[in-house]
Protein backbone atom coordinates (compact mmCIF):
# COMPACT_ATOMS: atom_id res chain seq x y z
CA MET A 1 80.26 91.95 100.69
CA LYS A 2 82.61 91.47 97.74
CA ARG A 3 79.79 92.19 95.31
CA ALA A 4 79.18 95.53 97.00
CA LEU A 5 82.91 96.36 97.12
CA PHE A 6 83.36 95.75 93.40
CA ALA A 7 80.26 97.83 92.70
CA LEU A 8 81.82 100.67 94.68
CA ALA A 9 85.05 100.17 92.73
CA THR A 10 83.09 100.86 89.53
CA GLY A 11 82.08 104.18 91.07
CA GLN A 12 85.72 105.03 91.67
CA PHE A 13 86.46 104.02 88.07
CA VAL A 14 83.91 106.61 86.97
CA VAL A 15 85.60 109.19 89.22
CA GLY A 16 89.00 108.50 87.72
CA THR A 17 87.86 108.47 84.12
CA THR A 18 85.80 111.65 84.37
CA SER A 19 88.53 113.55 86.22
CA LEU A 20 91.54 112.55 84.11
CA GLY A 21 89.96 111.44 80.82
CA VAL A 22 90.31 114.95 79.42
CA ILE A 23 94.11 114.47 79.43
CA GLY A 24 93.81 112.07 76.52
CA LEU A 25 91.51 114.38 74.56
CA VAL A 26 93.46 117.65 74.65
CA GLU A 27 94.28 117.87 70.94
CA GLU A 28 90.81 116.90 69.72
CA MET A 29 88.96 119.19 72.13
CA ARG A 30 91.10 122.28 71.60
CA ALA A 31 90.91 121.94 67.82
CA ASP A 32 87.13 121.63 67.82
CA LEU A 33 86.45 124.26 70.48
CA GLY A 34 89.04 126.72 69.17
CA VAL A 35 90.92 127.15 72.45
CA SER A 36 94.49 126.58 73.59
CA ALA A 37 95.89 123.38 75.05
CA ALA A 38 96.34 125.27 78.32
CA ALA A 39 92.60 126.02 78.39
CA ILE A 40 91.80 122.32 78.03
CA ALA A 41 94.33 121.48 80.74
CA GLY A 42 92.53 124.05 82.88
CA LEU A 43 89.50 121.76 82.83
CA VAL A 44 91.49 119.39 85.06
CA THR A 45 92.11 122.23 87.50
CA VAL A 46 88.41 123.20 87.49
CA PHE A 47 87.48 119.61 88.30
CA ALA A 48 90.08 119.33 91.06
CA LEU A 49 89.11 122.57 92.79
CA VAL A 50 85.36 121.86 92.69
CA TYR A 51 85.98 118.36 93.99
CA ALA A 52 88.18 119.64 96.81
CA VAL A 53 85.46 121.99 98.08
CA ALA A 54 82.44 119.80 97.36
CA ALA A 55 83.66 116.50 98.85
CA PRO A 56 83.53 117.59 102.51
CA GLY A 57 80.69 120.07 101.93
CA LEU A 58 78.36 117.46 100.46
CA GLN A 59 79.19 114.98 103.21
CA ALA A 60 78.24 117.58 105.81
CA LEU A 61 74.99 118.40 104.01
CA ILE A 62 73.66 115.03 102.84
CA GLY A 63 76.18 112.44 104.00
CA HIS A 64 73.56 110.93 106.32
CA TRP A 65 71.37 109.89 103.39
CA PRO A 66 71.36 106.19 102.34
CA ARG A 67 74.73 105.48 100.79
CA ARG A 68 73.39 103.50 97.86
CA ALA A 69 71.18 106.44 96.91
CA LEU A 70 74.09 108.85 97.19
CA VAL A 71 76.47 106.77 95.06
CA ALA A 72 73.88 105.81 92.45
CA GLY A 73 72.54 109.35 92.22
CA ALA A 74 76.04 110.81 91.98
CA MET A 75 76.91 108.38 89.17
CA ALA A 76 73.79 109.48 87.32
CA LEU A 77 74.81 113.14 87.77
CA ALA A 78 78.34 112.42 86.52
CA GLY A 79 76.94 110.50 83.55
CA ALA A 80 74.52 113.25 82.60
CA SER A 81 77.31 115.83 82.87
CA CYS A 82 79.47 113.75 80.52
CA LEU A 83 76.63 113.74 77.99
CA LEU A 84 76.29 117.53 78.36
CA CYS A 85 80.00 117.81 77.63
CA ALA A 86 79.54 115.68 74.51
CA VAL A 87 76.96 118.09 73.02
CA ALA A 88 78.51 121.32 74.34
CA PRO A 89 78.55 124.06 71.68
CA ASN A 90 81.41 126.00 73.31
CA TYR A 91 84.12 125.95 75.95
CA ALA A 92 81.96 127.61 78.62
CA THR A 93 79.41 124.79 78.42
CA VAL A 94 82.19 122.23 78.69
CA ALA A 95 83.40 124.00 81.85
CA VAL A 96 79.89 123.81 83.32
CA ALA A 97 79.76 120.11 82.47
CA ARG A 98 83.08 119.61 84.24
CA ILE A 99 81.61 121.20 87.37
CA GLY A 100 78.74 118.69 87.23
CA MET A 101 81.20 115.81 86.81
CA ALA A 102 83.20 117.05 89.79
CA LEU A 103 80.10 117.32 92.01
CA GLY A 104 79.14 113.74 91.17
CA ALA A 105 82.67 112.49 91.71
CA ALA A 106 82.98 114.40 95.00
CA LEU A 107 79.99 112.50 96.34
CA ILE A 108 81.03 109.12 94.96
CA GLY A 109 84.60 108.98 96.26
CA PRO A 110 84.20 109.60 100.01
CA THR A 111 80.82 107.82 100.21
CA ALA A 112 82.20 104.72 98.50
CA ALA A 113 85.19 104.67 100.85
CA ALA A 114 83.00 105.15 103.93
CA ALA A 115 80.65 102.36 102.79
CA ALA A 116 83.57 99.98 102.28
CA ALA A 117 85.03 100.81 105.69
CA ALA A 118 81.64 100.27 107.37
CA MET A 119 81.10 96.86 105.75
CA ALA A 120 84.53 95.40 106.58
CA PRO A 121 85.81 94.20 109.96
CA PRO A 122 88.67 96.29 111.41
CA GLU A 123 91.35 93.79 110.38
CA GLY A 124 90.05 93.72 106.78
CA ARG A 125 89.36 97.44 106.43
CA ALA A 126 92.52 98.33 104.51
CA GLY A 127 91.94 95.45 102.08
CA ALA A 128 88.34 96.53 101.44
CA LEU A 129 89.44 100.12 100.86
CA ALA A 130 92.16 98.89 98.50
CA ILE A 131 89.52 97.12 96.39
CA VAL A 132 87.40 100.27 96.16
CA PHE A 133 90.35 102.59 95.52
CA GLY A 134 91.52 100.07 92.91
CA GLY A 135 88.75 101.36 90.65
CA LEU A 136 90.52 104.72 90.53
CA THR A 137 93.82 102.98 89.77
CA VAL A 138 92.28 100.96 86.92
CA ALA A 139 90.84 104.18 85.50
CA THR A 140 94.36 105.58 85.34
CA VAL A 141 95.68 102.42 83.65
CA LEU A 142 92.84 101.68 81.23
CA GLY A 143 90.29 104.51 81.32
CA ILE A 144 92.63 107.23 80.07
CA PRO A 145 94.15 105.19 77.20
CA ILE A 146 90.70 104.01 76.11
CA THR A 147 89.38 107.57 76.21
CA ALA A 148 92.35 108.75 74.13
CA TRP A 149 91.80 105.96 71.61
CA LEU A 150 88.09 106.80 71.30
CA GLY A 151 88.96 110.46 70.81
CA GLN A 152 91.35 109.63 67.97
CA THR A 153 89.07 107.14 66.24
CA ALA A 154 85.55 108.44 66.85
CA GLY A 155 86.03 112.00 68.11
CA TRP A 156 86.16 113.56 71.56
CA ARG A 157 82.40 113.91 71.76
CA ALA A 158 81.94 110.18 71.22
CA ALA A 159 84.43 109.54 74.02
CA TRP A 160 82.35 111.57 76.48
CA VAL A 161 79.20 109.81 75.31
CA ALA A 162 80.85 106.47 76.11
CA ILE A 163 81.95 107.62 79.57
CA GLY A 164 78.52 109.06 80.32
CA ALA A 165 76.72 105.95 79.13
CA ALA A 166 78.95 103.74 81.28
CA ALA A 167 78.17 105.85 84.36
CA LEU A 168 74.42 105.76 83.70
CA ILE A 169 74.49 101.99 83.20
CA CYS A 170 76.48 101.44 86.41
CA ALA A 171 74.19 103.62 88.56
CA PRO A 172 71.35 101.05 88.93
CA LEU A 173 73.89 98.24 89.38
CA VAL A 174 75.37 100.08 92.37
CA TRP A 175 71.86 100.61 93.77
CA LEU A 176 71.18 96.86 93.62
CA ALA A 177 74.56 95.83 95.05
CA LEU A 178 74.72 98.06 98.13
CA PRO A 179 72.73 97.28 101.30
CA ALA A 180 69.63 99.40 101.75
CA GLU A 181 70.31 100.11 105.44
CA GLY A 182 73.79 101.58 104.99
CA ARG A 183 73.99 105.30 105.75
CA GLY A 184 76.32 107.76 107.44
CA ALA A 185 75.63 109.74 110.58
CA ARG A 186 74.11 113.22 110.39
CA MET A 187 76.88 115.79 110.63
CA ASP A 188 76.35 119.18 112.18
CA PRO A 189 78.29 122.14 110.70
CA GLY A 190 80.78 121.95 113.54
CA ALA A 191 81.79 118.39 112.62
CA LEU A 192 83.85 119.61 109.69
CA MET A 193 85.84 121.96 111.91
CA ALA A 194 86.17 119.23 114.52
CA VAL A 195 87.96 116.96 112.03
CA LEU A 196 90.17 119.80 110.80
CA GLY A 197 90.84 120.92 114.34
CA ALA A 198 92.03 117.51 115.51
CA ARG A 199 95.82 117.53 115.23
CA ALA A 200 96.24 113.87 114.21
CA SER A 201 93.60 114.11 111.49
CA ALA A 202 94.73 117.49 110.19
CA LEU A 203 98.36 116.39 109.92
CA SER A 204 97.34 113.18 108.17
CA LEU A 205 95.38 115.19 105.61
CA ALA A 206 98.37 117.49 105.14
CA ALA A 207 100.56 114.45 104.43
CA THR A 208 98.15 113.37 101.68
CA ALA A 209 98.21 116.81 100.06
CA ILE A 210 102.01 116.97 100.19
CA LEU A 211 102.40 113.46 98.77
CA PHE A 212 100.18 114.16 95.79
CA ALA A 213 101.66 117.58 95.16
CA GLY A 214 105.13 116.06 95.14
CA GLY A 215 104.10 113.06 93.09
CA PHE A 216 102.30 115.08 90.44
CA ALA A 217 105.41 117.26 89.98
CA THR A 218 106.66 114.28 87.95
CA TYR A 219 103.48 112.42 86.99
CA ALA A 220 101.81 115.42 85.32
CA LEU A 221 104.68 115.55 82.81
CA LEU A 222 105.90 111.97 82.98
CA ALA A 223 105.67 111.49 79.22
CA PRO A 224 107.89 114.52 78.46
CA TRP A 225 110.34 113.38 81.16
CA LEU A 226 110.60 109.94 79.56
CA THR A 227 111.37 111.38 76.12
CA GLU A 228 113.42 114.45 77.05
CA ALA A 229 115.37 113.26 80.09
CA ALA A 230 115.47 109.48 79.68
CA GLY A 231 115.65 109.41 75.87
CA MET A 232 112.70 107.09 75.35
CA SER A 233 111.14 107.07 71.88
CA ARG A 234 107.61 108.41 71.49
CA ALA A 235 106.55 105.06 70.05
CA ALA A 236 107.44 103.37 73.33
CA LEU A 237 105.51 105.81 75.52
CA PRO A 238 102.09 104.08 75.52
CA LEU A 239 103.62 100.79 76.68
CA ALA A 240 105.73 102.56 79.31
CA LEU A 241 102.73 104.44 80.70
CA LEU A 242 100.67 101.24 80.72
CA ALA A 243 103.46 99.45 82.61
CA TYR A 244 103.58 102.31 85.10
CA GLY A 245 99.86 101.94 85.71
CA VAL A 246 100.06 98.16 86.11
CA LEU A 247 102.81 98.60 88.70
CA GLY A 248 100.54 101.05 90.50
CA ILE A 249 97.80 98.44 90.60
CA GLY A 250 100.31 96.06 92.19
CA GLY A 251 101.04 98.58 94.92
CA ASN A 252 97.34 99.11 95.55
CA VAL A 253 96.75 95.34 95.82
CA ALA A 254 99.69 95.01 98.21
CA ALA A 255 98.33 97.76 100.47
CA GLY A 256 95.92 95.46 102.32
CA PRO A 257 98.43 92.72 103.26
CA VAL A 258 101.12 95.30 104.13
CA ALA A 259 98.70 97.19 106.39
CA ARG A 260 97.70 93.97 108.12
CA ARG A 261 101.37 93.19 108.82
CA LEU A 262 102.67 96.66 109.70
CA GLY A 263 99.45 98.41 110.70
CA PRO A 264 98.04 101.38 108.77
CA ASP A 265 100.65 103.78 110.16
CA GLY A 266 103.55 101.52 109.27
CA ALA A 267 102.18 101.00 105.76
CA VAL A 268 101.84 104.76 105.25
CA MET A 269 105.42 105.40 106.37
CA LEU A 270 106.70 102.63 104.10
CA ALA A 271 104.76 104.09 101.16
CA LEU A 272 106.09 107.61 101.74
CA GLY A 273 109.66 106.41 102.08
CA GLY A 274 109.30 104.24 99.00
CA VAL A 275 108.05 107.16 96.90
CA VAL A 276 111.01 109.31 97.97
CA ALA A 277 113.49 106.52 97.17
CA GLY A 278 111.82 105.80 93.83
CA ALA A 279 111.83 109.45 92.77
CA LEU A 280 115.51 109.81 93.69
CA ALA A 281 116.39 106.65 91.74
CA LEU A 282 114.43 107.95 88.77
CA TRP A 283 116.26 111.29 88.85
CA LEU A 284 119.69 109.64 89.09
CA ALA A 285 119.17 107.00 86.37
CA PRO A 286 119.71 109.24 83.29
CA LEU A 287 122.63 110.97 85.03
CA LEU A 288 124.48 107.76 85.97
CA ALA A 289 123.50 105.66 82.95
CA PRO A 290 122.72 108.08 80.09
CA GLY A 291 121.01 106.51 77.11
CA ARG A 292 120.24 103.25 78.93
CA ILE A 293 116.45 103.08 79.18
CA TRP A 294 116.53 99.99 81.39
CA ALA A 295 118.18 102.05 84.14
CA ILE A 296 115.02 104.11 84.76
CA TRP A 297 112.79 101.13 85.51
CA PRO A 298 113.76 100.43 89.14
CA GLY A 299 112.97 104.01 90.10
CA LEU A 300 109.83 104.14 87.96
CA ALA A 301 108.60 100.86 89.43
CA MET A 302 109.18 102.03 93.03
CA LEU A 303 107.48 105.36 92.34
CA ALA A 304 104.36 103.72 90.89
CA TRP A 305 104.20 100.89 93.45
CA PHE A 306 104.60 102.87 96.64
CA TRP A 307 102.56 105.88 95.54
CA LEU A 308 99.48 103.73 94.97
CA MET A 309 100.15 101.75 98.16
CA TYR A 310 99.53 104.87 100.26
CA MET A 311 95.84 105.61 99.98
CA ALA A 312 94.17 102.50 101.46
CA PRO A 313 96.14 102.47 104.76
CA MET A 314 95.74 106.24 105.11
CA GLN A 315 91.98 105.89 104.69
CA ALA A 316 91.96 103.07 107.24
CA ARG A 317 93.92 105.28 109.66
CA LEU A 318 91.43 108.15 109.32
CA VAL A 319 88.53 105.78 110.02
CA GLU A 320 90.26 104.47 113.15
CA LEU A 321 91.00 107.97 114.44
CA ASP A 322 87.33 108.98 114.53
CA PRO A 323 84.88 106.31 113.31
CA ARG A 324 81.84 108.55 113.89
CA ARG A 325 83.17 111.25 111.58
CA ALA A 326 84.82 108.85 109.15
CA PRO A 327 82.82 109.99 106.07
CA LEU A 328 83.88 113.60 106.60
CA ALA A 329 87.50 112.62 107.22
CA LEU A 330 87.54 110.52 104.06
CA ALA A 331 85.96 113.38 102.12
CA LEU A 332 88.63 115.76 103.38
CA ASN A 333 91.32 113.24 102.47
CA ALA A 334 89.94 113.13 98.93
CA SER A 335 89.96 116.93 98.89
CA ALA A 336 93.57 116.94 100.01
CA LEU A 337 94.40 114.54 97.17
CA TYR A 338 92.88 116.84 94.56
CA VAL A 339 94.42 119.96 96.06
CA GLY A 340 97.77 118.22 95.86
CA MET A 341 97.06 117.16 92.30
CA ALA A 342 96.30 120.72 91.23
CA ALA A 343 99.32 122.17 93.06
CA GLY A 344 101.70 119.50 91.80
CA SER A 345 100.56 119.87 88.20
CA ALA A 346 101.07 123.64 88.37
CA LEU A 347 104.51 123.17 89.96
CA SER A 348 105.43 120.67 87.26
CA GLY A 349 104.65 123.12 84.48
CA VAL A 350 106.58 125.97 86.09
CA ALA A 351 109.60 123.77 86.84
CA HIS A 352 109.63 122.30 83.34
CA ASP A 353 109.59 125.72 81.72
CA ALA A 354 112.37 127.01 83.98
CA LEU A 355 114.62 123.95 84.38
CA GLY A 356 113.60 121.39 81.79
CA ALA A 357 112.27 117.88 82.41
CA GLY A 358 115.37 116.38 84.05
CA PRO A 359 114.96 117.72 87.63
CA LEU A 360 111.26 116.84 87.98
CA PRO A 361 111.80 113.57 89.91
CA LEU A 362 114.21 115.36 92.26
CA ILE A 363 111.52 117.96 92.94
CA SER A 364 109.10 115.10 93.62
CA ALA A 365 111.54 113.44 96.03
CA LEU A 366 112.16 116.67 97.95
CA GLY A 367 108.45 117.47 98.04
CA VAL A 368 107.32 114.05 99.26
CA ALA A 369 110.14 113.97 101.81
CA LEU A 370 108.33 116.84 103.54
CA ALA A 371 105.39 114.50 104.15
CA LEU A 372 107.51 112.17 106.30
CA PRO A 373 107.96 114.50 109.31
CA VAL A 374 104.39 115.72 108.90
CA PHE A 375 103.04 112.19 109.15
CA ALA A 376 105.44 111.37 111.99
CA ALA A 377 103.90 114.29 113.86
CA ALA A 378 100.43 112.91 113.05
CA ARG A 379 101.40 109.57 114.58
CA GLY A 380 102.68 111.30 117.68
CA ALA A 381 99.48 113.29 118.02
CA SER A 382 97.31 110.18 117.74
CA ARG A 383 99.33 108.43 120.44
CA LYS A 384 98.63 111.39 122.73
CA GLY A 385 94.92 111.19 121.96
CA GLY A 386 94.74 114.11 119.57
CA ALA A 387 92.57 112.40 116.99
């Protein structure tokens, strides 16, 4: 089973690198394509919105197909779209390529999570999902810096060639690693509305969207916050961002053991509370200890750790609520993540322009705090049988 889980984690690595890799290539792409930095940033929004719509839609349409065919085929689509991006003559073609990447990623993410959940016993489900979701975390830690380095040394087109080639190479490996008999159940059009109409599931999905909207209010402009509010030098930024990512990996690894001890619901509540506390500590550090960079690290560590601890127990919870519709629920959870990402990034830009970088962690803390009563209501609904 571990071989299959790590193969699925490579699929999530592809998802993460294709969705966020453009962040490290903004300067190179805008200079070559003759567009603004905002236009390049808009490629992240395009990806997020397509993903949000396509993830549940594709699960409803073809989620009953063999999972290894879905994941391998989606990786091939994502890889081919990356290669199209690499040879794109203009911005419009790049945007079309981003749509192709998003469609591939939208099929990979929920299918990989559903496959992991199906292979693991109930007590090991959160740990299996943490391994698979870890691929997305590693993409944030290593994929984005590597993409940025390739863009600076070999050009942005070469970076997309490398990402596309990696996806195309991994596709047959995933096919060989996953069991041939694994497939989801056929979903009728009403299944999507059934998941959304169930109070416990709908509130859980809302908590995911709120968490990522609040979190991205700081994460989208974390580098400017570190330099403008905390006083960190630009030279220290790469190491700080790498450390942030490594701490996130730690939180993701801890998700399985924490969920086994506290249960998925307890782990989710701990993660949400930890994110709020970390964001508040991060906001207060420059105010209480101005000029002392060390003071920001407790808050930054808590923010990274608990944010990445959230996803695996939430996925396990959604599977437990309605095992038959688990692929759709996981797809909707991924959609909620990307909706939150898009909303949080937009909020971050507006807040930065109006208030500066300093208040961003406070906005994150207040935003994520809203997820606590929402998830508490989700727990109450599930106890009453409103899955």
